[in-house]
Amino acid sequence: MKKLSLSGIGLGCMGMSEFYGATDEAQSLATLEAAYEAGVTLYDTADSYGAGHNEELLGRFLQGKREHVTLATKFGLVRKAGNYERRIDNSPAYIREACEASLRRLNIEHIDLYYMHRLNLAETPLEESMEALARLVREGKIGAVGLCEVSPATLRRAAAVHPVAAVQSEYSLWTRDPEDGVLQACREVGAAFCAYSPLGRGFLTGKVLPLEEGDFRKFSPRFAEDNMAANQRIVDIVRELAAAKGCTPAQLALAWLLAQDVVPIPGTKRIPYLLENLGALQVRLSGAELARIGAALPPGMAAGERYPQEGMKGLNS
């Protein structure tokens, strides 16, 4: 079985199928190829991204490259195509059904890292879900188990049933929730931490406005007009710090995460942004620089919730 490789910077693929405005398959496939040529090994998708479209896209990209790629996908968020409303299903029967469907769409026989996208502990005991995932590991359908957006207590409880290889949660200079115990719990149980939306859904780059039609950020509280003034100050500070370092704001934000010993998985569908993000691997921040960044951008600085109300389901379960 292939060793799980999560080093460096991964590529989040969600925006290639929905949520961030218009999509272009040819452009997305070219970006995936460019990432592969640049040495990116970790590709992150989910069955809910584009109602399966994103997995099918990755399946096309993977042909002839499978042994060199670590493929992570997720289950548990059940949505209708084009509908933001969701329910969360972690039942053993659904886990098996979802895994088989993902394998078909990806056109592979083995998923390297299989995440529970969100948890619904009120309906399905965590132990039942973890046992179902452990069976898939034993059968060779998946290589490792991951969890998304979990509390430290839930992570420890899950790891007592079966090893948890990775935890994925939102983490960036404007979302610091994982510092409230999750990062420490990951170290305790031996789980890697993968940071999604490491650029604040693009906001920290200073390049995302105005937003296209069909971009879900139009409904995100942090992008709402009444929060923008406060959050623009964060962007201005990141710009100032990046200029002093001689890198771009995106590179500074990613280098800060790399210094926390986590794996950022910034998403993009464009080659120039991909290459800019990978440039963060060459940015080294000293202890003094990290202290300066921490003082300038303390936890809790961002105005507004991370998601609209529907998107808050299952966070920090």
Foldseek 3Di string as FASTA:
>chain_A
DADADQDAAAAEALVCQAQFDDHDLVLLLVQLVLCVVVPHAEYEEECPRQVLPSLLSLLVSCVPPVNRHQYEYEDFWDDDGPDPFTGGDLALVVVVVRLVVSCVSSVHQEHAEYEHAFDDCVVPPLLRSLVSVVVCCVVRRYPAYAYEQAALVSQVVSLVNPQHAEYEYADWLAAHVCVPRVVVSCVVRVHAYEHECHCLVVVLQVPCPPGHPRNQCVVAFLSDPVQVVLVVLNSVVLQVLCVVQVAGSLLVGLLLVVVVVHHYHYYDSHNVVVVSNSCSVVRHADPVSNVVSCVSRPHPSGDGDSGPPSVCPRHRD
